[in-house]
Each structure stands twice: as structure tokens, then as C-alpha cells.
C-alpha atoms as a PDB file:
ATOM      1  CA  UNK A   1     -52.277 -36.195 -48.634  1.00  0.00           C
ATOM      2  CA  UNK A   2     -49.085 -37.295 -51.041  1.00  0.00           C
ATOM      3  CA  UNK A   3     -46.251 -39.227 -50.074  1.00  0.00           C
ATOM      4  CA  UNK A   4     -43.583 -37.533 -49.905  1.00  0.00           C
ATOM      5  CA  UNK A   5     -46.306 -34.740 -47.856  1.00  0.00           C
ATOM      6  CA  UNK A   6     -46.343 -37.765 -45.335  1.00  0.00           C
ATOM      7  CA  UNK A   7     -42.710 -38.386 -44.677  1.00  0.00           C
ATOM      8  CA  UNK A   8     -41.778 -35.021 -44.543  1.00  0.00           C
ATOM      9  CA  UNK A   9     -44.680 -34.988 -41.272  1.00  0.00           C
ATOM     10  CA  UNK A  10     -43.414 -38.435 -39.862  1.00  0.00           C
ATOM     11  CA  UNK A  11     -39.754 -36.706 -40.625  1.00  0.00           C
ATOM     12  CA  UNK A  12     -40.757 -33.524 -38.161  1.00  0.00           C
ATOM     13  CA  UNK A  13     -42.463 -35.777 -35.475  1.00  0.00           C
ATOM     14  CA  UNK A  14     -39.327 -37.961 -35.522  1.00  0.00           C
ATOM     15  CA  UNK A  15     -37.314 -34.884 -34.691  1.00  0.00           C
ATOM     16  CA  UNK A  16     -39.469 -33.707 -32.451  1.00  0.00           C
ATOM     17  CA  UNK A  17     -39.706 -36.659 -30.349  1.00  0.00           C
ATOM     18  CA  UNK A  18     -35.551 -36.981 -30.248  1.00  0.00           C
ATOM     19  CA  UNK A  19     -34.897 -33.409 -29.079  1.00  0.00           C
ATOM     20  CA  UNK A  20     -37.263 -33.749 -26.672  1.00  0.00           C
ATOM     21  CA  UNK A  21     -35.680 -36.878 -25.332  1.00  0.00           C
ATOM     22  CA  UNK A  22     -32.621 -34.819 -25.582  1.00  0.00           C
ATOM     23  CA  UNK A  23     -33.804 -31.662 -23.712  1.00  0.00           C
ATOM     24  CA  UNK A  24     -34.637 -33.749 -21.240  1.00  0.00           C
ATOM     25  CA  UNK A  25     -32.330 -36.992 -20.547  1.00  0.00           C
ATOM     26  CA  UNK A  26     -29.311 -35.110 -20.452  1.00  0.00           C
ATOM     27  CA  UNK A  27     -29.646 -32.872 -17.951  1.00  0.00           C
ATOM     28  CA  UNK A  28     -30.665 -35.185 -15.874  1.00  0.00           C
ATOM     29  CA  UNK A  29     -27.920 -37.904 -16.728  1.00  0.00           C
ATOM     30  CA  UNK A  30     -25.606 -35.121 -15.216  1.00  0.00           C
ATOM     31  CA  UNK A  31     -27.505 -34.270 -12.711  1.00  0.00           C
ATOM     32  CA  UNK A  32     -27.062 -37.562 -11.587  1.00  0.00           C
ATOM     33  CA  UNK A  33     -23.127 -37.755 -12.335  1.00  0.00           C
ATOM     34  CA  UNK A  34     -22.818 -34.832 -10.511  1.00  0.00           C
ATOM     35  CA  UNK A  35     -24.873 -36.451  -7.242  1.00  0.00           C
ATOM     36  CA  UNK A  36     -22.150 -39.252  -7.748  1.00  0.00           C
ATOM     37  CA  UNK A  37     -19.699 -36.595  -7.122  1.00  0.00           C
ATOM     38  CA  UNK A  38     -20.890 -35.393  -4.677  1.00  0.00           C
ATOM     39  CA  UNK A  39     -22.059 -38.927  -2.789  1.00  0.00           C
ATOM     40  CA  UNK A  40     -18.610 -39.749  -2.726  1.00  0.00           C
ATOM     41  CA  UNK A  41     -17.047 -35.970  -1.975  1.00  0.00           C
ATOM     42  CA  UNK A  42     -19.419 -35.687   0.745  1.00  0.00           C
ATOM     43  CA  UNK A  43     -19.793 -32.013  -0.518  1.00  0.00           C
ATOM     44  CA  UNK A  44     -23.003 -30.526  -0.836  1.00  0.00           C
ATOM     45  CA  UNK A  45     -25.599 -30.586  -3.943  1.00  0.00           C
ATOM     46  CA  UNK A  46     -23.233 -27.973  -5.558  1.00  0.00           C
ATOM     47  CA  UNK A  47     -21.350 -30.554  -8.365  1.00  0.00           C
ATOM     48  CA  UNK A  48     -25.528 -31.777  -9.034  1.00  0.00           C
ATOM     49  CA  UNK A  49     -27.039 -28.056  -9.804  1.00  0.00           C
ATOM     50  CA  UNK A  50     -23.469 -27.208 -11.543  1.00  0.00           C
ATOM     51  CA  UNK A  51     -23.598 -29.954 -13.861  1.00  0.00           C
ATOM     52  CA  UNK A  52     -27.640 -30.040 -14.118  1.00  0.00           C
ATOM     53  CA  UNK A  53     -27.178 -26.676 -15.865  1.00  0.00           C
ATOM     54  CA  UNK A  54     -24.248 -27.110 -17.907  1.00  0.00           C
ATOM     55  CA  UNK A  55     -26.718 -30.045 -19.435  1.00  0.00           C
ATOM     56  CA  UNK A  56     -29.234 -27.711 -19.645  1.00  0.00           C
ATOM     57  CA  UNK A  57     -27.117 -24.895 -21.400  1.00  0.00           C
ATOM     58  CA  UNK A  58     -25.472 -27.227 -23.489  1.00  0.00           C
ATOM     59  CA  UNK A  59     -28.183 -28.868 -24.455  1.00  0.00           C
ATOM     60  CA  UNK A  60     -30.203 -25.488 -25.913  1.00  0.00           C
ATOM     61  CA  UNK A  61     -26.862 -24.349 -27.357  1.00  0.00           C
ATOM     62  CA  UNK A  62     -26.904 -27.516 -29.721  1.00  0.00           C
ATOM     63  CA  UNK A  63     -30.322 -26.495 -30.509  1.00  0.00           C
ATOM     64  CA  UNK A  64     -30.023 -23.012 -31.159  1.00  0.00           C
ATOM     65  CA  UNK A  65     -26.424 -23.796 -33.428  1.00  0.00           C
ATOM     66  CA  UNK A  66     -28.453 -26.730 -35.494  1.00  0.00           C
ATOM     67  CA  UNK A  67     -31.153 -24.666 -36.075  1.00  0.00           C
ATOM     68  CA  UNK A  68     -28.874 -21.697 -37.030  1.00  0.00           C
ATOM     69  CA  UNK A  69     -27.169 -23.900 -39.531  1.00  0.00           C
ATOM     70  CA  UNK A  70     -30.231 -25.544 -40.955  1.00  0.00           C
ATOM     71  CA  UNK A  71     -31.863 -21.613 -41.328  1.00  0.00           C
ATOM     72  CA  UNK A  72     -28.703 -20.761 -43.507  1.00  0.00           C
ATOM     73  CA  UNK A  73     -28.647 -23.656 -45.779  1.00  0.00           C
ATOM     74  CA  UNK A  74     -32.780 -23.170 -45.746  1.00  0.00           C
ATOM     75  CA  UNK A  75     -31.779 -19.025 -46.776  1.00  0.00           C
ATOM     76  CA  UNK A  76     -29.194 -20.490 -49.317  1.00  0.00           C
ATOM     77  CA  UNK A  77     -31.291 -22.594 -51.375  1.00  0.00           C
ATOM     78  CA  UNK A  78     -34.212 -19.625 -51.585  1.00  0.00           C
ATOM     79  CA  UNK A  79     -35.856 -18.658 -54.536  1.00  0.00           C
ATOM     80  CA  UNK A  80     -34.241 -14.874 -53.805  1.00  0.00           C
ATOM     81  CA  UNK A  81     -30.446 -16.420 -53.720  1.00  0.00           C
ATOM     82  CA  UNK A  82     -31.026 -18.321 -57.512  1.00  0.00           C
ATOM     83  CA  UNK A  83     -29.919 -15.309 -59.926  1.00  0.00           C
ATOM     84  CA  UNK A  84     -26.844 -14.180 -57.337  1.00  0.00           C
ATOM     85  CA  UNK A  85     -25.714 -18.434 -58.041  1.00  0.00           C
ATOM     86  CA  UNK A  86     -26.465 -18.612 -61.603  1.00  0.00           C
ATOM     87  CA  UNK A  87     -23.968 -15.540 -62.010  1.00  0.00           C
ATOM     88  CA  UNK A  88     -21.251 -17.029 -59.860  1.00  0.00           C
ATOM     89  CA  UNK A  89     -21.868 -14.131 -56.634  1.00  0.00           C
ATOM     90  CA  UNK A  90     -21.980 -15.415 -53.074  1.00  0.00           C
ATOM     91  CA  UNK A  91     -25.106 -15.016 -50.946  1.00  0.00           C
END
């Protein structure tokens, strides 16, 4: 395996690890914040659940938008768009 391929593999592992921590810790932090609000307000676990779900939805939305952006960039660099770019057309 050449150096460039090894670097891309390692970057993929690093990205996956950071995404897994982000997916696990963001709802946990929001849930803990909700728990503190519930504890100080004397309410049931309403804020804990709402903020934890908000953390999950926000993280998944961020992943979705980032994936969509990366795929749009990847598609625009594809071989099927090279002739259009040379002619000055928009893909």
C-alpha cells in the first residue's frame, strides 16, 4: 500500500472516530443540561428527554448536510462533468 492510500485510510478512521464521539456525546451533554434544568425547576424529566432528542436530531442533521455537501463536491469533480467544465457550462 502506498503512502497516499495509507493516509486516506487513516483519515477515514479518524473521521469515523470523531463522528462516533460526536454522535454519542452531543445528546449526552444536552441530556445532562436538561437534567440540570429539570432538577432546578423541579419538573419531571421533560427537559432531559427534549434536549437529548434535540441533540440527536441536531447531530444527525449535521451529518446529513455534511454528507450531502461532500457528495456534491465529489460529483462535481467526476469525469462525467469534465467536458461541461471545459466548455464553460454549469453542471
